[in-house]
Amino acid sequence: MKASGFTLIEVLVALTVLAVGLAGIAALQLSALRLGTLTVRYTALLQTAENELRHRLLSPEAGSTCTTSPGSGATCAVAERSCRADPDALQCGVPAGPLEEVSVTVTPEEGEPLVLTGYRLSGAAP
């Protein structure tokens, strides 16, 4: 008489395949959660940098410090330098150019810094 059903080896193999599949799905979920958190953090940093750059372009007399969101752990720096537009290129770092380059750098606690750059006429507020 032949018995029907699965052998112990077949059940163990099936459980192993199922466990590997579930472990892969769990790893994907964790990765997606981590990337979602990172995206939210960088969106906040981008908004900070955009606001600071807009403020600097509209207010040339603003100081060289900028602010970040409380508790973000990010640092912010502003750099300004004179620029001159030649027919072939924009040259920055030249004395008394008609343009000013304004760069805002926001650096998170971990990760790459975010740098936004804009240009305005020297000494002129729109």
PDB file of N, CA and C in Angstrom:
ATOM      1  N   MET A   1       0.825  -1.150   0.000  1.00  0.00           N
ATOM      2  CA  MET A   1       0.000   0.000   0.000  1.00  0.00           C
ATOM      3  C   MET A   1       0.894   1.246   0.000  1.00  0.00           C
ATOM      4  N   LYS A   2       0.542   2.203  -0.846  1.00  0.00           N
ATOM      5  CA  LYS A   2       1.334   3.419  -0.993  1.00  0.00           C
ATOM      6  C   LYS A   2       0.685   4.528  -0.168  1.00  0.00           C
ATOM      7  N   ALA A   3       1.511   5.220   0.653  1.00  0.00           N
ATOM      8  CA  ALA A   3       1.005   6.316   1.484  1.00  0.00           C
ATOM      9  C   ALA A   3       1.015   7.607   0.670  1.00  0.00           C
ATOM     10  N   SER A   4       0.020   8.450   0.899  1.00  0.00           N
ATOM     11  CA  SER A   4      -0.035   9.724   0.186  1.00  0.00           C
ATOM     12  C   SER A   4       0.423  10.844   1.132  1.00  0.00           C
ATOM     13  N   GLY A   5       0.844  11.967   0.560  1.00  0.00           N
ATOM     14  CA  GLY A   5       1.292  13.112   1.360  1.00  0.00           C
ATOM     15  C   GLY A   5       2.715  13.505   1.006  1.00  0.00           C
ATOM     16  N   PHE A   6       3.269  14.365   1.784  1.00  0.00           N
ATOM     17  CA  PHE A   6       4.610  14.886   1.533  1.00  0.00           C
ATOM     18  C   PHE A   6       5.587  14.250   2.499  1.00  0.00           C
ATOM     19  N   THR A   7       6.826  14.112   2.030  1.00  0.00           N
ATOM     20  CA  THR A   7       7.862  13.598   2.922  1.00  0.00           C
ATOM     21  C   THR A   7       8.415  14.756   3.745  1.00  0.00           C
ATOM     22  N   LEU A   8       9.125  14.424   4.777  1.00  0.00           N
ATOM     23  CA  LEU A   8       9.714  15.443   5.638  1.00  0.00           C
ATOM     24  C   LEU A   8      10.703  16.301   4.857  1.00  0.00           C
ATOM     25  N   ILE A   9      11.463  15.720   3.966  1.00  0.00           N
ATOM     26  CA  ILE A   9      12.435  16.456   3.148  1.00  0.00           C
ATOM     27  C   ILE A   9      11.710  17.470   2.271  1.00  0.00           C
ATOM     28  N   GLU A  10      10.620  17.085   1.642  1.00  0.00           N
ATOM     29  CA  GLU A  10       9.869  18.005   0.790  1.00  0.00           C
ATOM     30  C   GLU A  10       9.326  19.191   1.597  1.00  0.00           C
ATOM     31  N   VAL A  11       8.831  18.921   2.779  1.00  0.00           N
ATOM     32  CA  VAL A  11       8.308  19.992   3.628  1.00  0.00           C
ATOM     33  C   VAL A  11       9.438  20.936   4.048  1.00  0.00           C
ATOM     34  N   LEU A  12      10.581  20.393   4.410  1.00  0.00           N
ATOM     35  CA  LEU A  12      11.722  21.231   4.809  1.00  0.00           C
ATOM     36  C   LEU A  12      12.216  22.093   3.639  1.00  0.00           C
ATOM     37  N   VAL A  13      12.273  21.533   2.449  1.00  0.00           N
ATOM     38  CA  VAL A  13      12.697  22.299   1.275  1.00  0.00           C
ATOM     39  C   VAL A  13      11.693  23.413   0.994  1.00  0.00           C
ATOM     40  N   ALA A  14      10.424  23.122   1.057  1.00  0.00           N
ATOM     41  CA  ALA A  14       9.400  24.135   0.822  1.00  0.00           C
ATOM     42  C   ALA A  14       9.482  25.247   1.865  1.00  0.00           C
ATOM     43  N   LEU A  15       9.677  24.919   3.126  1.00  0.00           N
ATOM     44  CA  LEU A  15       9.804  25.931   4.178  1.00  0.00           C
ATOM     45  C   LEU A  15      11.059  26.782   3.992  1.00  0.00           C
ATOM     46  N   THR A  16      12.142  26.161   3.536  1.00  0.00           N
ATOM     47  CA  THR A  16      13.381  26.906   3.279  1.00  0.00           C
ATOM     48  C   THR A  16      13.179  27.909   2.152  1.00  0.00           C
ATOM     49  N   VAL A  17      12.551  27.483   1.074  1.00  0.00           N
ATOM     50  CA  VAL A  17      12.285  28.390  -0.049  1.00  0.00           C
ATOM     51  C   VAL A  17      11.368  29.527   0.402  1.00  0.00           C
ATOM     52  N   LEU A  18      10.352  29.213   1.176  1.00  0.00           N
ATOM     53  CA  LEU A  18       9.443  30.232   1.692  1.00  0.00           C
ATOM     54  C   LEU A  18      10.172  31.211   2.607  1.00  0.00           C
ATOM     55  N   ALA A  19      11.045  30.721   3.467  1.00  0.00           N
ATOM     56  CA  ALA A  19      11.793  31.585   4.390  1.00  0.00           C
ATOM     57  C   ALA A  19      12.730  32.524   3.628  1.00  0.00           C
ATOM     58  N   VAL A  20      13.389  32.015   2.591  1.00  0.00           N
ATOM     59  CA  VAL A  20      14.277  32.864   1.790  1.00  0.00           C
ATOM     60  C   VAL A  20      13.468  33.950   1.085  1.00  0.00           C
ATOM     61  N   GLY A  21      12.330  33.600   0.558  1.00  0.00           N
ATOM     62  CA  GLY A  21      11.470  34.583  -0.105  1.00  0.00           C
ATOM     63  C   GLY A  21      10.972  35.655   0.853  1.00  0.00           C
ATOM     64  N   LEU A  22      10.539  35.254   2.048  1.00  0.00           N
ATOM     65  CA  LEU A  22      10.067  36.215   3.040  1.00  0.00           C
ATOM     66  C   LEU A  22      11.205  37.115   3.529  1.00  0.00           C
ATOM     67  N   ALA A  23      12.400  36.558   3.669  1.00  0.00           N
ATOM     68  CA  ALA A  23      13.547  37.372   4.083  1.00  0.00           C
ATOM     69  C   ALA A  23      13.863  38.426   3.016  1.00  0.00           C
ATOM     70  N   GLY A  24      13.763  38.063   1.742  1.00  0.00           N
ATOM     71  CA  GLY A  24      13.986  39.018   0.658  1.00  0.00           C
ATOM     72  C   GLY A  24      12.953  40.135   0.661  1.00  0.00           C
ATOM     73  N   ILE A  25      11.703  39.785   0.878  1.00  0.00           N
ATOM     74  CA  ILE A  25      10.638  40.793   0.931  1.00  0.00           C
ATOM     75  C   ILE A  25      10.852  41.729   2.125  1.00  0.00           C
ATOM     76  N   ALA A  26      11.261  41.191   3.271  1.00  0.00           N
ATOM     77  CA  ALA A  26      11.521  42.022   4.445  1.00  0.00           C
ATOM     78  C   ALA A  26      12.683  42.982   4.190  1.00  0.00           C
ATOM     79  N   ALA A  27      13.721  42.509   3.513  1.00  0.00           N
ATOM     80  CA  ALA A  27      14.861  43.373   3.194  1.00  0.00           C
ATOM     81  C   ALA A  27      14.444  44.499   2.251  1.00  0.00           C
ATOM     82  N   LEU A  28      13.595  44.198   1.287  1.00  0.00           N
ATOM     83  CA  LEU A  28      13.105  45.235   0.373  1.00  0.00           C
ATOM     84  C   LEU A  28      12.275  46.278   1.116  1.00  0.00           C
ATOM     85  N   GLN A  29      11.454  45.833   2.040  1.00  0.00           N
ATOM     86  CA  GLN A  29      10.634  46.760   2.820  1.00  0.00           C
ATOM     87  C   GLN A  29      11.509  47.692   3.658  1.00  0.00           C
ATOM     88  N   LEU A  30      12.527  47.151   4.297  1.00  0.00           N
ATOM     89  CA  LEU A  30      13.436  47.970   5.098  1.00  0.00           C
ATOM     90  C   LEU A  30      14.178  48.979   4.237  1.00  0.00           C
ATOM     91  N   SER A  31      14.615  48.542   3.070  1.00  0.00           N
ATOM     92  CA  SER A  31      15.307  49.440   2.150  1.00  0.00           C
ATOM     93  C   SER A  31      14.386  50.560   1.686  1.00  0.00           C
ATOM     94  N   ALA A  32      13.153  50.245   1.365  1.00  0.00           N
ATOM     95  CA  ALA A  32      12.190  51.260   0.933  1.00  0.00           C
ATOM     96  C   ALA A  32      11.902  52.246   2.056  1.00  0.00           C
ATOM     97  N   LEU A  33      11.787  51.767   3.265  1.00  0.00           N
ATOM     98  CA  LEU A  33      11.549  52.640   4.414  1.00  0.00           C
ATOM     99  C   LEU A  33      12.730  53.581   4.629  1.00  0.00           C
ATOM    100  N   ARG A  34      13.938  53.062   4.534  1.00  0.00           N
ATOM    101  CA  ARG A  34      15.149  53.865   4.706  1.00  0.00           C
ATOM    102  C   ARG A  34      15.243  54.940   3.625  1.00  0.00           C
ATOM    103  N   LEU A  35      14.975  54.571   2.385  1.00  0.00           N
ATOM    104  CA  LEU A  35      15.033  55.536   1.282  1.00  0.00           C
ATOM    105  C   LEU A  35      13.932  56.587   1.413  1.00  0.00           C
ATOM    106  N   GLY A  36      12.771  56.193   1.889  1.00  0.00           N
ATOM    107  CA  GLY A  36      11.692  57.158   2.101  1.00  0.00           C
ATOM    108  C   GLY A  36      12.071  58.194   3.147  1.00  0.00           C
ATOM    109  N   THR A  37      12.690  57.755   4.229  1.00  0.00           N
ATOM    110  CA  THR A  37      13.143  58.671   5.271  1.00  0.00           C
ATOM    111  C   THR A  37      14.223  59.600   4.742  1.00  0.00           C
ATOM    112  N   LEU A  38      15.148  59.060   3.958  1.00  0.00           N
ATOM    113  CA  LEU A  38      16.216  59.867   3.371  1.00  0.00           C
ATOM    114  C   LEU A  38      15.645  60.902   2.407  1.00  0.00           C
ATOM    115  N   THR A  39      14.646  60.533   1.644  1.00  0.00           N
ATOM    116  CA  THR A  39      14.016  61.461   0.712  1.00  0.00           C
ATOM    117  C   THR A  39      13.354  62.622   1.450  1.00  0.00           C
ATOM    118  N   VAL A  40      12.668  62.329   2.530  1.00  0.00           N
ATOM    119  CA  VAL A  40      12.027  63.381   3.326  1.00  0.00           C
ATOM    120  C   VAL A  40      13.087  64.326   3.890  1.00  0.00           C
ATOM    121  N   ARG A  41      14.177  63.768   4.383  1.00  0.00           N
ATOM    122  CA  ARG A  41      15.250  64.578   4.954  1.00  0.00           C
ATOM    123  C   ARG A  41      15.871  65.495   3.899  1.00  0.00           C
ATOM    124  N   TYR A  42      16.170  64.952   2.712  1.00  0.00           N
ATOM    125  CA  TYR A  42      16.783  65.769   1.671  1.00  0.00           C
ATOM    126  C   TYR A  42      15.803  66.792   1.094  1.00  0.00           C
ATOM    127  N   THR A  43      14.521  66.485   1.100  1.00  0.00           N
ATOM    128  CA  THR A  43      13.527  67.471   0.664  1.00  0.00           C
ATOM    129  C   THR A  43      13.533  68.660   1.615  1.00  0.00           C
ATOM    130  N   ALA A  44      13.609  68.402   2.905  1.00  0.00           N
ATOM    131  CA  ALA A  44      13.671  69.490   3.889  1.00  0.00           C
ATOM    132  C   ALA A  44      14.952  70.303   3.708  1.00  0.00           C
ATOM    133  N   LEU A  45      16.075  69.640   3.439  1.00  0.00           N
ATOM    134  CA  LEU A  45      17.333  70.355   3.211  1.00  0.00           C
ATOM    135  C   LEU A  45      17.251  71.208   1.946  1.00  0.00           C
ATOM    136  N   LEU A  46      16.643  70.673   0.912  1.00  0.00           N
ATOM    137  CA  LEU A  46      16.494  71.425  -0.335  1.00  0.00           C
ATOM    138  C   LEU A  46      15.629  72.656  -0.117  1.00  0.00           C
ATOM    139  N   GLN A  47      14.553  72.526   0.640  1.00  0.00           N
ATOM    140  CA  GLN A  47      13.696  73.678   0.934  1.00  0.00           C
ATOM    141  C   GLN A  47      14.463  74.735   1.717  1.00  0.00           C
ATOM    142  N   THR A  48      15.275  74.311   2.665  1.00  0.00           N
ATOM    143  CA  THR A  48      16.101  75.249   3.429  1.00  0.00           C
ATOM    144  C   THR A  48      17.063  75.981   2.513  1.00  0.00           C
ATOM    145  N   ALA A  49      17.756  75.234   1.651  1.00  0.00           N
ATOM    146  CA  ALA A  49      18.723  75.852   0.745  1.00  0.00           C
ATOM    147  C   ALA A  49      18.030  76.802  -0.234  1.00  0.00           C
ATOM    148  N   GLU A  50      16.877  76.415  -0.769  1.00  0.00           N
ATOM    149  CA  GLU A  50      16.145  77.290  -1.695  1.00  0.00           C
ATOM    150  C   GLU A  50      15.698  78.573  -1.002  1.00  0.00           C
ATOM    151  N   ASN A  51      15.186  78.466   0.217  1.00  0.00           N
ATOM    152  CA  ASN A  51      14.749  79.650   0.952  1.00  0.00           C
ATOM    153  C   ASN A  51      15.921  80.585   1.236  1.00  0.00           C
ATOM    154  N   GLU A  52      17.038  80.031   1.664  1.00  0.00           N
ATOM    155  CA  GLU A  52      18.217  80.852   1.944  1.00  0.00           C
ATOM    156  C   GLU A  52      18.742  81.512   0.673  1.00  0.00           C
ATOM    157  N   LEU A  53      18.801  80.765  -0.419  1.00  0.00           N
ATOM    158  CA  LEU A  53      19.293  81.336  -1.677  1.00  0.00           C
ATOM    159  C   LEU A  53      18.371  82.457  -2.144  1.00  0.00           C
ATOM    160  N   ARG A  54      17.080  82.241  -2.075  1.00  0.00           N
ATOM    161  CA  ARG A  54      16.114  83.278  -2.468  1.00  0.00           C
ATOM    162  C   ARG A  54      16.303  84.523  -1.604  1.00  0.00           C
ATOM    163  N   HIS A  55      16.463  84.319  -0.298  1.00  0.00           N
ATOM    164  CA  HIS A  55      16.667  85.438   0.628  1.00  0.00           C
ATOM    165  C   HIS A  55      17.953  86.192   0.288  1.00  0.00           C
ATOM    166  N   ARG A  56      19.019  85.472  -0.012  1.00  0.00           N
ATOM    167  CA  ARG A  56      20.310  86.106  -0.333  1.00  0.00           C
ATOM    168  C   ARG A  56      20.251  86.859  -1.648  1.00  0.00           C
ATOM    169  N   LEU A  57      19.549  86.317  -2.613  1.00  0.00           N
ATOM    170  CA  LEU A  57      19.462  86.992  -3.911  1.00  0.00           C
ATOM    171  C   LEU A  57      18.631  88.267  -3.807  1.00  0.00           C
ATOM    172  N   LEU A  58      17.634  88.266  -2.951  1.00  0.00           N
ATOM    173  CA  LEU A  58      16.782  89.440  -2.795  1.00  0.00           C
ATOM    174  C   LEU A  58      17.326  90.447  -1.791  1.00  0.00           C
ATOM    175  N   SER A  59      18.196  90.012  -0.890  1.00  0.00           N
ATOM    176  CA  SER A  59      18.736  90.895   0.158  1.00  0.00           C
ATOM    177  C   SER A  59      20.258  90.803   0.189  1.00  0.00           C
ATOM    178  N   PRO A  60      20.954  91.585  -0.627  1.00  0.00           N
ATOM    179  CA  PRO A  60      22.421  91.514  -0.654  1.00  0.00           C
ATOM    180  C   PRO A  60      23.062  91.854   0.688  1.00  0.00           C
ATOM    181  N   GLU A  61      22.367  92.633   1.542  1.00  0.00           N
ATOM    182  CA  GLU A  61      22.960  93.028   2.812  1.00  0.00           C
ATOM    183  C   GLU A  61      22.856  91.947   3.880  1.00  0.00           C
ATOM    184  N   ALA A  62      22.217  90.830   3.581  1.00  0.00           N
ATOM    185  CA  ALA A  62      22.095  89.747   4.566  1.00  0.00           C
ATOM    186  C   ALA A  62      23.479  89.218   4.903  1.00  0.00           C
ATOM    187  N   GLY A  63      23.639  88.754   6.116  1.00  0.00           N
ATOM    188  CA  GLY A  63      24.941  88.260   6.569  1.00  0.00           C
ATOM    189  C   GLY A  63      25.325  86.939   5.919  1.00  0.00           C
ATOM    190  N   SER A  64      26.420  86.371   6.399  1.00  0.00           N
ATOM    191  CA  SER A  64      26.909  85.128   5.801  1.00  0.00           C
ATOM    192  C   SER A  64      26.441  83.887   6.549  1.00  0.00           C
ATOM    193  N   THR A  65      25.585  84.063   7.552  1.00  0.00           N
ATOM    194  CA  THR A  65      25.062  82.901   8.265  1.00  0.00           C
ATOM    195  C   THR A  65      23.658  82.586   7.776  1.00  0.00           C
ATOM    196  N   CYS A  66      23.283  81.345   7.875  1.00  0.00           N
ATOM    197  CA  CYS A  66      21.935  80.937   7.510  1.00  0.00           C
ATOM    198  C   CYS A  66      21.440  79.939   8.545  1.00  0.00           C
ATOM    199  N   THR A  67      20.162  79.707   8.546  1.00  0.00           N
ATOM    200  CA  THR A  67      19.565  78.858   9.572  1.00  0.00           C
ATOM    201  C   THR A  67      18.990  77.597   8.948  1.00  0.00           C
ATOM    202  N   THR A  68      18.984  76.541   9.732  1.00  0.00           N
ATOM    203  CA  THR A  68      18.376  75.279   9.309  1.00  0.00           C
ATOM    204  C   THR A  68      17.253  74.955  10.280  1.00  0.00           C
ATOM    205  N   SER A  69      16.487  73.953   9.960  1.00  0.00           N
ATOM    206  CA  SER A  69      15.382  73.539  10.818  1.00  0.00           C
ATOM    207  C   SER A  69      15.914  73.049  12.164  1.00  0.00           C
ATOM    208  N   PRO A  70      15.264  73.427  13.270  1.00  0.00           N
ATOM    209  CA  PRO A  70      15.703  72.934  14.577  1.00  0.00           C
ATOM    210  C   PRO A  70      15.624  71.414  14.630  1.00  0.00           C
ATOM    211  N   GLY A  71      16.643  70.804  15.187  1.00  0.00           N
ATOM    212  CA  GLY A  71      16.664  69.358  15.334  1.00  0.00           C
ATOM    213  C   GLY A  71      17.071  68.603  14.083  1.00  0.00           C
ATOM    214  N   SER A  72      17.362  69.327  12.977  1.00  0.00           N
ATOM    215  CA  SER A  72      17.727  68.633  11.738  1.00  0.00           C
ATOM    216  C   SER A  72      19.162  68.136  11.777  1.00  0.00           C
ATOM    217  N   GLY A  73      20.009  68.759  12.610  1.00  0.00           N
ATOM    218  CA  GLY A  73      21.406  68.367  12.679  1.00  0.00           C
ATOM    219  C   GLY A  73      22.213  68.849  11.488  1.00  0.00           C
ATOM    220  N   ALA A  74      21.606  69.639  10.614  1.00  0.00           N
ATOM    221  CA  ALA A  74      22.289  70.111   9.409  1.00  0.00           C
ATOM    222  C   ALA A  74      22.973  71.443   9.685  1.00  0.00           C
ATOM    223  N   THR A  75      24.032  71.707   8.927  1.00  0.00           N
ATOM    224  CA  THR A  75      24.713  72.992   8.993  1.00  0.00           C
ATOM    225  C   THR A  75      24.519  73.714   7.673  1.00  0.00           C
ATOM    226  N   CYS A  76      24.632  75.036   7.715  1.00  0.00           N
ATOM    227  CA  CYS A  76      24.360  75.841   6.534  1.00  0.00           C
ATOM    228  C   CYS A  76      25.443  76.897   6.406  1.00  0.00           C
ATOM    229  N   ALA A  77      25.900  77.162   5.191  1.00  0.00           N
ATOM    230  CA  ALA A  77      26.914  78.184   4.947  1.00  0.00           C
ATOM    231  C   ALA A  77      26.577  78.924   3.660  1.00  0.00           C
ATOM    232  N   VAL A  78      26.940  80.207   3.617  1.00  0.00           N
ATOM    233  CA  VAL A  78      26.703  81.040   2.442  1.00  0.00           C
ATOM    234  C   VAL A  78      28.042  81.582   1.968  1.00  0.00           C
ATOM    235  N   ALA A  79      28.271  81.556   0.663  1.00  0.00           N
ATOM    236  CA  ALA A  79      29.480  82.128   0.080  1.00  0.00           C
ATOM    237  C   ALA A  79      29.073  83.063  -1.049  1.00  0.00           C
ATOM    238  N   GLU A  80      29.714  84.226  -1.109  1.00  0.00           N
ATOM    239  CA  GLU A  80      29.446  85.191  -2.173  1.00  0.00           C
ATOM    240  C   GLU A  80      30.778  85.581  -2.803  1.00  0.00           C
ATOM    241  N   ARG A  81      30.778  85.752  -4.128  1.00  0.00           N
ATOM    242  CA  ARG A  81      31.980  86.223  -4.811  1.00  0.00           C
ATOM    243  C   ARG A  81      31.590  86.946  -6.093  1.00  0.00           C
ATOM    244  N   SER A  82      32.458  87.861  -6.513  1.00  0.00           N
ATOM    245  CA  SER A  82      32.192  88.653  -7.716  1.00  0.00           C
ATOM    246  C   SER A  82      32.405  87.810  -8.963  1.00  0.00           C
ATOM    247  N   CYS A  83      31.625  88.112  -9.996  1.00  0.00           N
ATOM    248  CA  CYS A  83      31.731  87.390 -11.265  1.00  0.00           C
ATOM    249  C   CYS A  83      31.687  88.386 -12.417  1.00  0.00           C
ATOM    250  N   ARG A  84      32.250  87.973 -13.527  1.00  0.00           N
ATOM    251  CA  ARG A  84      32.220  88.767 -14.744  1.00  0.00           C
ATOM    252  C   ARG A  84      31.834  87.847 -15.888  1.00  0.00           C
ATOM    253  N   ALA A  85      30.896  88.282 -16.692  1.00  0.00           N
ATOM    254  CA  ALA A  85      30.448  87.488 -17.841  1.00  0.00           C
ATOM    255  C   ALA A  85      31.274  87.885 -19.056  1.00  0.00           C
ATOM    256  N   ASP A  86      32.129  86.987 -19.500  1.00  0.00           N
ATOM    257  CA  ASP A  86      32.882  87.198 -20.738  1.00  0.00           C
ATOM    258  C   ASP A  86      32.086  86.589 -21.879  1.00  0.00           C
ATOM    259  N   PRO A  87      32.444  86.903 -23.121  1.00  0.00           N
ATOM    260  CA  PRO A  87      31.690  86.331 -24.243  1.00  0.00           C
ATOM    261  C   PRO A  87      31.669  84.799 -24.235  1.00  0.00           C
ATOM    262  N   ASP A  88      32.733  84.189 -23.727  1.00  0.00           N
ATOM    263  CA  ASP A  88      32.822  82.729 -23.780  1.00  0.00           C
ATOM    264  C   ASP A  88      32.396  82.028 -22.495  1.00  0.00           C
ATOM    265  N   ALA A  89      32.514  82.707 -21.352  1.00  0.00           N
ATOM    266  CA  ALA A  89      32.251  82.015 -20.085  1.00  0.00           C
ATOM    267  C   ALA A  89      31.977  83.011 -18.973  1.00  0.00           C
ATOM    268  N   LEU A  90      31.504  82.482 -17.862  1.00  0.00           N
ATOM    269  CA  LEU A  90      31.295  83.270 -16.656  1.00  0.00           C
ATOM    270  C   LEU A  90      32.497  83.038 -15.762  1.00  0.00           C
ATOM    271  N   GLN A  91      33.218  84.116 -15.422  1.00  0.00           N
ATOM    272  CA  GLN A  91      34.401  84.000 -14.571  1.00  0.00           C
ATOM    273  C   GLN A  91      34.067  84.544 -13.196  1.00  0.00           C
ATOM    274  N   CYS A  92      34.236  83.706 -12.190  1.00  0.00           N
ATOM    275  CA  CYS A  92      33.957  84.134 -10.822  1.00  0.00           C
ATOM    276  C   CYS A  92      35.248  84.188 -10.027  1.00  0.00           C
ATOM    277  N   GLY A  93      35.224  84.967  -8.966  1.00  0.00           N
ATOM    278  CA  GLY A  93      36.418  85.145  -8.151  1.00  0.00           C
ATOM    279  C   GLY A  93      37.256  86.312  -8.634  1.00  0.00           C
ATOM    280  N   VAL A  94      36.718  87.125  -9.550  1.00  0.00           N
ATOM    281  CA  VAL A  94      37.442  88.287 -10.059  1.00  0.00           C
ATOM    282  C   VAL A  94      37.018  89.506  -9.240  1.00  0.00           C
ATOM    283  N   PRO A  95      37.909  90.472  -9.069  1.00  0.00           N
ATOM    284  CA  PRO A  95      37.534  91.652  -8.289  1.00  0.00           C
ATOM    285  C   PRO A  95      36.551  92.553  -9.040  1.00  0.00           C
ATOM    286  N   ALA A  96      35.600  93.086  -8.314  1.00  0.00           N
ATOM    287  CA  ALA A  96      34.655  94.096  -8.807  1.00  0.00           C
ATOM    288  C   ALA A  96      33.952  93.714 -10.102  1.00  0.00           C
ATOM    289  N   GLY A  97      33.490  92.504 -10.184  1.00  0.00           N
ATOM    290  CA  GLY A  97      32.711  92.103 -11.348  1.00  0.00           C
ATOM    291  C   GLY A  97      31.293  92.634 -11.227  1.00  0.00           C
ATOM    292  N   PRO A  98      30.565  92.722 -12.340  1.00  0.00           N
ATOM    293  CA  PRO A  98      29.204  93.257 -12.291  1.00  0.00           C
ATOM    294  C   PRO A  98      28.176  92.282 -11.720  1.00  0.00           C
ATOM    295  N   LEU A  99      28.549  91.033 -11.551  1.00  0.00           N
ATOM    296  CA  LEU A  99      27.650  90.022 -11.005  1.00  0.00           C
ATOM    297  C   LEU A  99      28.203  89.494  -9.689  1.00  0.00           C
ATOM    298  N   GLU A 100      27.316  88.957  -8.876  1.00  0.00           N
ATOM    299  CA  GLU A 100      27.734  88.258  -7.668  1.00  0.00           C
ATOM    300  C   GLU A 100      27.159  86.853  -7.705  1.00  0.00           C
ATOM    301  N   GLU A 101      28.011  85.905  -7.433  1.00  0.00           N
ATOM    302  CA  GLU A 101      27.575  84.514  -7.317  1.00  0.00           C
ATOM    303  C   GLU A 101      27.270  84.266  -5.848  1.00  0.00           C
ATOM    304  N   VAL A 102      26.114  83.703  -5.574  1.00  0.00           N
ATOM    305  CA  VAL A 102      25.713  83.382  -4.198  1.00  0.00           C
ATOM    306  C   VAL A 102      25.507  81.877  -4.127  1.00  0.00           C
ATOM    307  N   SER A 103      26.253  81.223  -3.253  1.00  0.00           N
ATOM    308  CA  SER A 103      26.125  79.776  -3.063  1.00  0.00           C
ATOM    309  C   SER A 103      25.679  79.483  -1.650  1.00  0.00           C
ATOM    310  N   VAL A 104      24.695  78.623  -1.521  1.00  0.00           N
ATOM    311  CA  VAL A 104      24.221  78.167  -0.214  1.00  0.00           C
ATOM    312  C   VAL A 104      24.520  76.679  -0.132  1.00  0.00           C
ATOM    313  N   THR A 105      25.243  76.281   0.898  1.00  0.00           N
ATOM    314  CA  THR A 105      25.583  74.878   1.113  1.00  0.00           C
ATOM    315  C   THR A 105      24.923  74.403   2.398  1.00  0.00           C
ATOM    316  N   VAL A 106      24.116  73.375   2.287  1.00  0.00           N
ATOM    317  CA  VAL A 106      23.483  72.761   3.456  1.00  0.00           C
ATOM    318  C   VAL A 106      24.044  71.351   3.576  1.00  0.00           C
ATOM    319  N   THR A 107      24.637  71.053   4.728  1.00  0.00           N
ATOM    320  CA  THR A 107      25.273  69.754   4.942  1.00  0.00           C
ATOM    321  C   THR A 107      24.536  68.997   6.039  1.00  0.00           C
ATOM    322  N   PRO A 108      23.987  67.831   5.708  1.00  0.00           N
ATOM    323  CA  PRO A 108      23.315  67.023   6.747  1.00  0.00           C
ATOM    324  C   PRO A 108      24.336  66.372   7.665  1.00  0.00           C
ATOM    325  N   GLU A 109      23.847  65.818   8.769  1.00  0.00           N
ATOM    326  CA  GLU A 109      24.744  65.103   9.685  1.00  0.00           C
ATOM    327  C   GLU A 109      25.457  63.971   8.956  1.00  0.00           C
ATOM    328  N   GLU A 110      24.723  63.263   8.130  1.00  0.00           N
ATOM    329  CA  GLU A 110      25.288  62.170   7.346  1.00  0.00           C
ATOM    330  C   GLU A 110      24.904  62.393   5.897  1.00  0.00           C
ATOM    331  N   GLY A 111      25.812  62.128   4.997  1.00  0.00           N
ATOM    332  CA  GLY A 111      25.486  62.256   3.586  1.00  0.00           C
ATOM    333  C   GLY A 111      26.220  63.397   2.918  1.00  0.00           C
ATOM    334  N   GLU A 112      25.918  63.571   1.665  1.00  0.00           N
ATOM    335  CA  GLU A 112      26.575  64.573   0.837  1.00  0.00           C
ATOM    336  C   GLU A 112      25.955  65.952   1.046  1.00  0.00           C
ATOM    337  N   PRO A 113      26.781  67.013   0.978  1.00  0.00           N
ATOM    338  CA  PRO A 113      26.220  68.367   1.081  1.00  0.00           C
ATOM    339  C   PRO A 113      25.405  68.729  -0.150  1.00  0.00           C
ATOM    340  N   LEU A 114      24.474  69.621   0.038  1.00  0.00           N
ATOM    341  CA  LEU A 114      23.610  70.103  -1.031  1.00  0.00           C
ATOM    342  C   LEU A 114      24.006  71.553  -1.298  1.00  0.00           C
ATOM    343  N   VAL A 115      24.404  71.870  -2.541  1.00  0.00           N
ATOM    344  CA  VAL A 115      24.866  73.210  -2.892  1.00  0.00           C
ATOM    345  C   VAL A 115      23.951  73.785  -3.959  1.00  0.00           C
ATOM    346  N   LEU A 116      23.389  74.969  -3.682  1.00  0.00           N
ATOM    347  CA  LEU A 116      22.595  75.706  -4.661  1.00  0.00           C
ATOM    348  C   LEU A 116      23.313  77.016  -4.944  1.00  0.00           C
ATOM    349  N   THR A 117      23.356  77.410  -6.215  1.00  0.00           N
ATOM    350  CA  THR A 117      24.057  78.620  -6.619  1.00  0.00           C
ATOM    351  C   THR A 117      23.138  79.489  -7.456  1.00  0.00           C
ATOM    352  N   GLY A 118      23.196  80.801  -7.213  1.00  0.00           N
ATOM    353  CA  GLY A 118      22.432  81.770  -7.995  1.00  0.00           C
ATOM    354  C   GLY A 118      23.285  82.989  -8.253  1.00  0.00           C
ATOM    355  N   TYR A 119      22.819  83.886  -9.129  1.00  0.00           N
ATOM    356  CA  TYR A 119      23.576  85.085  -9.502  1.00  0.00           C
ATOM    357  C   TYR A 119      22.679  86.309  -9.398  1.00  0.00           C
ATOM    358  N   ARG A 120      23.275  87.440  -9.023  1.00  0.00           N
ATOM    359  CA  ARG A 120      22.575  88.710  -8.966  1.00  0.00           C
ATOM    360  C   ARG A 120      23.525  89.814  -9.415  1.00  0.00           C
ATOM    361  N   LEU A 121      22.960  90.965  -9.768  1.00  0.00           N
ATOM    362  CA  LEU A 121      23.788  92.124 -10.105  1.00  0.00           C
ATOM    363  C   LEU A 121      24.461  92.619  -8.834  1.00  0.00           C
ATOM    364  N   SER A 122      25.703  93.043  -8.941  1.00  0.00           N
ATOM    365  CA  SER A 122      26.458  93.493  -7.767  1.00  0.00           C
ATOM    366  C   SER A 122      25.779  94.652  -7.079  1.00  0.00           C
ATOM    367  N   GLY A 123      25.548  94.496  -5.783  1.00  0.00           N
ATOM    368  CA  GLY A 123      25.003  95.553  -4.965  1.00  0.00           C
ATOM    369  C   GLY A 123      23.578  95.957  -5.272  1.00  0.00           C
ATOM    370  N   ALA A 124      22.900  95.206  -6.105  1.00  0.00           N
ATOM    371  CA  ALA A 124      21.536  95.578  -6.486  1.00  0.00           C
ATOM    372  C   ALA A 124      20.545  94.579  -5.924  1.00  0.00           C
ATOM    373  N   ALA A 125      19.552  95.078  -5.261  1.00  0.00           N
ATOM    374  CA  ALA A 125      18.454  94.228  -4.811  1.00  0.00           C
ATOM    375  C   ALA A 125      17.287  94.446  -5.765  1.00  0.00           C
ATOM    376  N   PRO A 126      16.666  93.356  -6.241  1.00  0.00           N
ATOM    377  CA  PRO A 126      15.539  93.516  -7.173  1.00  0.00           C
ATOM    378  C   PRO A 126      14.352  94.177  -6.538  1.00  0.00           C
TER     379      PRO A 126
END
